[in-house]
Structure formats: C-alpha cells, structure tokens
Amino acid sequence: MEQEIICYCFGYTAEDIRKDVLQYGRSLIMERIAAEKKAGGCNCGVTNPKGR
C-alpha cells in the first residue's frame, strides 16, 4: 500500500505523523517542517506535484 505523502520536501507521510503522535503524544513534524522552511530548506513549489 502506497503511503500518502504529506510533505514532498522532506518525505513525511501520514504514517510518519501517526508514529510521531504515538511516540510523543503529539506530532512534532510540523515544527520540524517550519524550522526547515525558516532555514530555507523548503522547495514545495517544485517538489509537490500540486505546486503548493
């Protein structure tokens, strides 16, 4: 079964978020994505097939 990709820049899937919640009680993935974007490490306009 193919994983639903949530973040194309960093390869996070819906399953990654589920595991994050189980491990930490909440998902820290959005914080990681925000920190990477702030550092200039995001390229969603190119990597996301929907262009977002």
PDB file of N, CA and C in Angstrom:
ATOM      1  N   MET A   1       0.839  -1.185   0.000  1.00  0.00           N
ATOM      2  CA  MET A   1       0.000   0.000   0.000  1.00  0.00           C
ATOM      3  C   MET A   1       0.886   1.252   0.000  1.00  0.00           C
ATOM      4  N   GLU A   2       0.614   2.152  -0.900  1.00  0.00           N
ATOM      5  CA  GLU A   2       1.400   3.380  -1.029  1.00  0.00           C
ATOM      6  C   GLU A   2       1.055   4.348   0.097  1.00  0.00           C
ATOM      7  N   GLN A   3       2.088   4.968   0.664  1.00  0.00           N
ATOM      8  CA  GLN A   3       1.901   5.931   1.738  1.00  0.00           C
ATOM      9  C   GLN A   3       1.487   7.288   1.166  1.00  0.00           C
ATOM     10  N   GLU A   4       0.537   7.930   1.824  1.00  0.00           N
ATOM     11  CA  GLU A   4       0.144   9.283   1.431  1.00  0.00           C
ATOM     12  C   GLU A   4       1.225  10.255   1.889  1.00  0.00           C
ATOM     13  N   ILE A   5       1.856  10.924   0.941  1.00  0.00           N
ATOM     14  CA  ILE A   5       2.911  11.881   1.263  1.00  0.00           C
ATOM     15  C   ILE A   5       2.268  13.196   1.689  1.00  0.00           C
ATOM     16  N   ILE A   6       2.683  13.673   2.856  1.00  0.00           N
ATOM     17  CA  ILE A   6       2.171  14.924   3.394  1.00  0.00           C
ATOM     18  C   ILE A   6       3.111  16.075   3.052  1.00  0.00           C
ATOM     19  N   CYS A   7       4.411  15.802   3.095  1.00  0.00           N
ATOM     20  CA  CYS A   7       5.417  16.818   2.808  1.00  0.00           C
ATOM     21  C   CYS A   7       6.393  16.276   1.777  1.00  0.00           C
ATOM     22  N   TYR A   8       6.326  16.815   0.581  1.00  0.00           N
ATOM     23  CA  TYR A   8       7.188  16.345  -0.505  1.00  0.00           C
ATOM     24  C   TYR A   8       8.632  16.802  -0.350  1.00  0.00           C
ATOM     25  N   CYS A   9       8.865  17.909   0.319  1.00  0.00           N
ATOM     26  CA  CYS A   9      10.231  18.397   0.505  1.00  0.00           C
ATOM     27  C   CYS A   9      11.042  17.463   1.384  1.00  0.00           C
ATOM     28  N   PHE A  10      10.418  16.960   2.439  1.00  0.00           N
ATOM     29  CA  PHE A  10      11.140  16.174   3.425  1.00  0.00           C
ATOM     30  C   PHE A  10      10.672  14.728   3.486  1.00  0.00           C
ATOM     31  N   GLY A  11       9.700  14.377   2.667  1.00  0.00           N
ATOM     32  CA  GLY A  11       9.252  12.993   2.539  1.00  0.00           C
ATOM     33  C   GLY A  11       8.397  12.472   3.678  1.00  0.00           C
ATOM     34  N   TYR A  12       7.780  13.343   4.455  1.00  0.00           N
ATOM     35  CA  TYR A  12       6.926  12.881   5.548  1.00  0.00           C
ATOM     36  C   TYR A  12       5.621  12.330   4.998  1.00  0.00           C
ATOM     37  N   THR A  13       5.182  11.224   5.597  1.00  0.00           N
ATOM     38  CA  THR A  13       3.931  10.593   5.193  1.00  0.00           C
ATOM     39  C   THR A  13       2.919  10.673   6.332  1.00  0.00           C
ATOM     40  N   ALA A  14       1.679  10.333   6.023  1.00  0.00           N
ATOM     41  CA  ALA A  14       0.641  10.275   7.052  1.00  0.00           C
ATOM     42  C   ALA A  14       1.046   9.280   8.138  1.00  0.00           C
ATOM     43  N   GLU A  15       1.692   8.194   7.759  1.00  0.00           N
ATOM     44  CA  GLU A  15       2.161   7.195   8.720  1.00  0.00           C
ATOM     45  C   GLU A  15       3.237   7.781   9.646  1.00  0.00           C
ATOM     46  N   ASP A  16       4.110   8.621   9.117  1.00  0.00           N
ATOM     47  CA  ASP A  16       5.118   9.285   9.947  1.00  0.00           C
ATOM     48  C   ASP A  16       4.452  10.127  11.034  1.00  0.00           C
ATOM     49  N   ILE A  17       3.399  10.832  10.671  1.00  0.00           N
ATOM     50  CA  ILE A  17       2.690  11.667  11.631  1.00  0.00           C
ATOM     51  C   ILE A  17       2.031  10.788  12.687  1.00  0.00           C
ATOM     52  N   ARG A  18       1.423   9.686  12.267  1.00  0.00           N
ATOM     53  CA  ARG A  18       0.797   8.763  13.208  1.00  0.00           C
ATOM     54  C   ARG A  18       1.829   8.239  14.208  1.00  0.00           C
ATOM     55  N   LYS A  19       2.979   7.816  13.718  1.00  0.00           N
ATOM     56  CA  LYS A  19       4.042   7.298  14.587  1.00  0.00           C
ATOM     57  C   LYS A  19       4.553   8.381  15.541  1.00  0.00           C
ATOM     58  N   ASP A  20       4.655   9.603  15.052  1.00  0.00           N
ATOM     59  CA  ASP A  20       5.107  10.730  15.860  1.00  0.00           C
ATOM     60  C   ASP A  20       4.152  10.958  17.037  1.00  0.00           C
ATOM     61  N   VAL A  21       2.851  10.902  16.761  1.00  0.00           N
ATOM     62  CA  VAL A  21       1.843  11.086  17.801  1.00  0.00           C
ATOM     63  C   VAL A  21       1.935   9.958  18.828  1.00  0.00           C
ATOM     64  N   LEU A  22       2.108   8.732  18.356  1.00  0.00           N
ATOM     65  CA  LEU A  22       2.225   7.606  19.282  1.00  0.00           C
ATOM     66  C   LEU A  22       3.473   7.739  20.165  1.00  0.00           C
ATOM     67  N   GLN A  23       4.556   8.213  19.591  1.00  0.00           N
ATOM     68  CA  GLN A  23       5.809   8.328  20.334  1.00  0.00           C
ATOM     69  C   GLN A  23       5.822   9.517  21.290  1.00  0.00           C
ATOM     70  N   TYR A  24       5.327  10.670  20.851  1.00  0.00           N
ATOM     71  CA  TYR A  24       5.452  11.905  21.620  1.00  0.00           C
ATOM     72  C   TYR A  24       4.142  12.424  22.218  1.00  0.00           C
ATOM     73  N   GLY A  25       3.039  11.795  21.870  1.00  0.00           N
ATOM     74  CA  GLY A  25       1.746  12.288  22.349  1.00  0.00           C
ATOM     75  C   GLY A  25       1.172  13.374  21.465  1.00  0.00           C
ATOM     76  N   ARG A  26       1.959  13.844  20.523  1.00  0.00           N
ATOM     77  CA  ARG A  26       1.546  14.824  19.512  1.00  0.00           C
ATOM     78  C   ARG A  26       2.579  14.748  18.394  1.00  0.00           C
ATOM     79  N   SER A  27       2.268  15.320  17.267  1.00  0.00           N
ATOM     80  CA  SER A  27       3.224  15.291  16.160  1.00  0.00           C
ATOM     81  C   SER A  27       4.126  16.515  16.202  1.00  0.00           C
ATOM     82  N   LEU A  28       5.410  16.274  16.141  1.00  0.00           N
ATOM     83  CA  LEU A  28       6.412  17.341  16.098  1.00  0.00           C
ATOM     84  C   LEU A  28       6.837  17.652  14.659  1.00  0.00           C
ATOM     85  N   ILE A  29       6.261  16.938  13.732  1.00  0.00           N
ATOM     86  CA  ILE A  29       6.657  17.075  12.326  1.00  0.00           C
ATOM     87  C   ILE A  29       6.415  18.486  11.799  1.00  0.00           C
ATOM     88  N   MET A  30       5.285  19.102  12.127  1.00  0.00           N
ATOM     89  CA  MET A  30       5.026  20.464  11.638  1.00  0.00           C
ATOM     90  C   MET A  30       6.078  21.432  12.156  1.00  0.00           C
ATOM     91  N   GLU A  31       6.535  21.235  13.390  1.00  0.00           N
ATOM     92  CA  GLU A  31       7.597  22.087  13.938  1.00  0.00           C
ATOM     93  C   GLU A  31       8.897  21.887  13.154  1.00  0.00           C
ATOM     94  N   ARG A  32       9.188  20.648  12.810  1.00  0.00           N
ATOM     95  CA  ARG A  32      10.398  20.362  12.025  1.00  0.00           C
ATOM     96  C   ARG A  32      10.306  21.004  10.646  1.00  0.00           C
ATOM     97  N   ILE A  33       9.142  20.877  10.019  1.00  0.00           N
ATOM     98  CA  ILE A  33       8.953  21.472   8.693  1.00  0.00           C
ATOM     99  C   ILE A  33       9.082  22.995   8.767  1.00  0.00           C
ATOM    100  N   ALA A  34       8.459  23.606   9.764  1.00  0.00           N
ATOM    101  CA  ALA A  34       8.528  25.064   9.922  1.00  0.00           C
ATOM    102  C   ALA A  34       9.968  25.526  10.119  1.00  0.00           C
ATOM    103  N   ALA A  35      10.738  24.801  10.927  1.00  0.00           N
ATOM    104  CA  ALA A  35      12.140  25.166  11.164  1.00  0.00           C
ATOM    105  C   ALA A  35      12.956  25.034   9.878  1.00  0.00           C
ATOM    106  N   GLU A  36      12.712  23.990   9.104  1.00  0.00           N
ATOM    107  CA  GLU A  36      13.428  23.805   7.832  1.00  0.00           C
ATOM    108  C   GLU A  36      13.053  24.899   6.836  1.00  0.00           C
ATOM    109  N   LYS A  37      11.775  25.264   6.791  1.00  0.00           N
ATOM    110  CA  LYS A  37      11.340  26.332   5.880  1.00  0.00           C
ATOM    111  C   LYS A  37      12.008  27.646   6.251  1.00  0.00           C
ATOM    112  N   LYS A  38      12.058  27.932   7.564  1.00  0.00           N
ATOM    113  CA  LYS A  38      12.681  29.160   8.032  1.00  0.00           C
ATOM    114  C   LYS A  38      14.157  29.203   7.663  1.00  0.00           C
ATOM    115  N   ALA A  39      14.804  28.043   7.673  1.00  0.00           N
ATOM    116  CA  ALA A  39      16.228  27.944   7.329  1.00  0.00           C
ATOM    117  C   ALA A  39      16.456  27.910   5.812  1.00  0.00           C
ATOM    118  N   GLY A  40      15.360  27.967   5.041  1.00  0.00           N
ATOM    119  CA  GLY A  40      15.484  27.985   3.586  1.00  0.00           C
ATOM    120  C   GLY A  40      15.548  26.606   2.951  1.00  0.00           C
ATOM    121  N   GLY A  41      15.168  25.585   3.706  1.00  0.00           N
ATOM    122  CA  GLY A  41      15.272  24.216   3.198  1.00  0.00           C
ATOM    123  C   GLY A  41      13.997  23.663   2.617  1.00  0.00           C
ATOM    124  N   CYS A  42      13.122  24.512   2.146  1.00  0.00           N
ATOM    125  CA  CYS A  42      11.845  24.055   1.597  1.00  0.00           C
ATOM    126  C   CYS A  42      11.747  24.442   0.125  1.00  0.00           C
ATOM    127  N   ASN A  43      11.216  23.520  -0.655  1.00  0.00           N
ATOM    128  CA  ASN A  43      11.053  23.787  -2.081  1.00  0.00           C
ATOM    129  C   ASN A  43       9.741  23.180  -2.567  1.00  0.00           C
ATOM    130  N   CYS A  44       8.677  23.420  -1.808  1.00  0.00           N
ATOM    131  CA  CYS A  44       7.380  22.810  -2.101  1.00  0.00           C
ATOM    132  C   CYS A  44       6.857  23.140  -3.500  1.00  0.00           C
ATOM    133  N   GLY A  45       7.108  24.338  -3.964  1.00  0.00           N
ATOM    134  CA  GLY A  45       6.623  24.736  -5.284  1.00  0.00           C
ATOM    135  C   GLY A  45       7.146  23.859  -6.395  1.00  0.00           C
ATOM    136  N   VAL A  46       8.293  23.229  -6.166  1.00  0.00           N
ATOM    137  CA  VAL A  46       8.886  22.354  -7.177  1.00  0.00           C
ATOM    138  C   VAL A  46       8.627  20.882  -6.853  1.00  0.00           C
ATOM    139  N   THR A  47       8.767  20.509  -5.570  1.00  0.00           N
ATOM    140  CA  THR A  47       8.681  19.090  -5.220  1.00  0.00           C
ATOM    141  C   THR A  47       7.264  18.567  -5.081  1.00  0.00           C
ATOM    142  N   ASN A  48       6.310  19.423  -4.736  1.00  0.00           N
ATOM    143  CA  ASN A  48       4.924  18.982  -4.592  1.00  0.00           C
ATOM    144  C   ASN A  48       4.263  18.983  -5.959  1.00  0.00           C
ATOM    145  N   PRO A  49       3.730  17.841  -6.371  1.00  0.00           N
ATOM    146  CA  PRO A  49       3.100  17.787  -7.706  1.00  0.00           C
ATOM    147  C   PRO A  49       1.904  18.717  -7.849  1.00  0.00           C
ATOM    148  N   LYS A  50       1.321  19.161  -6.732  1.00  0.00           N
ATOM    149  CA  LYS A  50       0.203  20.113  -6.787  1.00  0.00           C
ATOM    150  C   LYS A  50       0.695  21.540  -6.797  1.00  0.00           C
ATOM    151  N   GLY A  51       2.010  21.740  -6.603  1.00  0.00           N
ATOM    152  CA  GLY A  51       2.593  23.075  -6.671  1.00  0.00           C
ATOM    153  C   GLY A  51       2.332  23.948  -5.468  1.00  0.00           C
ATOM    154  N   ARG A  52       2.118  23.338  -4.306  1.00  0.00           N
ATOM    155  CA  ARG A  52       1.846  24.144  -3.097  1.00  0.00           C
ATOM    156  C   ARG A  52       2.972  24.047  -2.139  1.00  0.00           C
TER     157      ARG A  52
END
